[in-house]
C-alpha atoms as a PDB file:
ATOM      1  CA  MET A   1     -29.603  -2.698  23.931  1.00  0.00           C
ATOM      2  CA  GLY A   2     -27.295  -0.070  22.998  1.00  0.00           C
ATOM      3  CA  ARG A   3     -25.605   0.736  19.506  1.00  0.00           C
ATOM      4  CA  ASN A   4     -22.418   0.549  21.227  1.00  0.00           C
ATOM      5  CA  ASN A   5     -22.213  -3.186  22.341  1.00  0.00           C
ATOM      6  CA  GLU A   6     -19.096  -5.274  22.190  1.00  0.00           C
ATOM      7  CA  ARG A   7     -20.342  -7.161  18.911  1.00  0.00           C
ATOM      8  CA  ASN A   8     -21.334  -3.812  17.240  1.00  0.00           C
ATOM      9  CA  ILE A   9     -17.393  -2.152  17.980  1.00  0.00           C
ATOM     10  CA  LYS A  10     -15.769  -5.474  16.941  1.00  0.00           C
ATOM     11  CA  ILE A  11     -17.485  -5.433  13.563  1.00  0.00           C
ATOM     12  CA  HIS A  12     -16.944  -1.872  13.297  1.00  0.00           C
ATOM     13  CA  ASN A  13     -12.978  -2.158  14.104  1.00  0.00           C
ATOM     14  CA  ASP A  14     -12.787  -5.270  11.654  1.00  0.00           C
ATOM     15  CA  LYS A  15     -14.016  -3.078   8.946  1.00  0.00           C
ATOM     16  CA  LEU A  16     -11.646  -0.324  10.078  1.00  0.00           C
ATOM     17  CA  HIS A  17      -8.824  -2.439  10.019  1.00  0.00           C
ATOM     18  CA  LYS A  18      -9.334  -4.461   6.937  1.00  0.00           C
ATOM     19  CA  ALA A  19      -9.293  -0.906   4.989  1.00  0.00           C
ATOM     20  CA  GLN A  20      -6.618   0.606   6.881  1.00  0.00           C
ATOM     21  CA  ASP A  21      -4.707  -3.032   6.035  1.00  0.00           C
ATOM     22  CA  LYS A  22      -5.782  -1.840   2.033  1.00  0.00           C
ATOM     23  CA  ALA A  23      -4.217   1.031   2.058  1.00  0.00           C
ATOM     24  CA  LYS A  24      -0.914   0.765   3.461  1.00  0.00           C
ATOM     25  CA  GLN A  25      -0.705  -2.451   1.032  1.00  0.00           C
ATOM     26  CA  ALA A  26      -1.840  -0.025  -1.564  1.00  0.00           C
ATOM     27  CA  GLU A  27       1.095   2.448  -0.624  1.00  0.00           C
ATOM     28  CA  ILE A  28       3.308  -0.590  -0.282  1.00  0.00           C
ATOM     29  CA  LEU A  29       2.957  -1.817  -3.756  1.00  0.00           C
ATOM     30  CA  ARG A  30       2.672   1.879  -5.442  1.00  0.00           C
ATOM     31  CA  LYS A  31       6.595   2.598  -3.535  1.00  0.00           C
ATOM     32  CA  GLU A  32       7.548  -0.898  -4.796  1.00  0.00           C
ATOM     33  CA  LYS A  33       6.436  -0.295  -8.322  1.00  0.00           C
ATOM     34  CA  LEU A  34       8.428   3.210  -8.357  1.00  0.00           C
ATOM     35  CA  LYS A  35      11.157   1.780  -7.112  1.00  0.00           C
ATOM     36  CA  ALA A  36      11.249  -0.688  -9.950  1.00  0.00           C
ATOM     37  CA  ILE A  37      10.383   2.331 -12.472  1.00  0.00           C
ATOM     38  CA  VAL A  38      13.501   3.788 -10.864  1.00  0.00           C
ATOM     39  CA  LYS A  39      15.816   1.504 -11.340  1.00  0.00           C
ATOM     40  CA  LYS A  40      14.734   0.809 -14.845  1.00  0.00           C
ATOM     41  CA  PHE A  41      15.107   4.197 -16.056  1.00  0.00           C
ATOM     42  CA  ASN A  42      18.432   4.535 -14.226  1.00  0.00           C
ATOM     43  CA  ASP A  43      19.478   1.070 -16.435  1.00  0.00           C
ATOM     44  CA  GLN A  44      18.642   2.696 -19.614  1.00  0.00           C
ATOM     45  CA  ASN A  45      20.259   6.001 -18.443  1.00  0.00           C
ATOM     46  CA  ASN A  46      23.716   3.837 -18.028  1.00  0.00           C
ATOM     47  CA  THR A  47      23.386   1.770 -21.012  1.00  0.00           C
ATOM     48  CA  ASP A  48      22.521   5.036 -23.044  1.00  0.00           C
ATOM     49  CA  ASN A  49      25.909   7.046 -21.300  1.00  0.00           C
ATOM     50  CA  ASN A  50      28.315   3.989 -21.727  1.00  0.00           C
ATOM     51  CA  GLY A  51      27.520   3.194 -25.206  1.00  0.00           C
END
């Protein structure tokens, strides 16, 4: 029985893909938060300059 049997490869790939998906989701979430912060900052600046 070898270490690189189908079952072990599948388990490893599933863990790997889960970790990659988690990292990708975290990156997307960071970008969305940054967009929201930038938008809020720009809105504040526009109201400060116009008022």
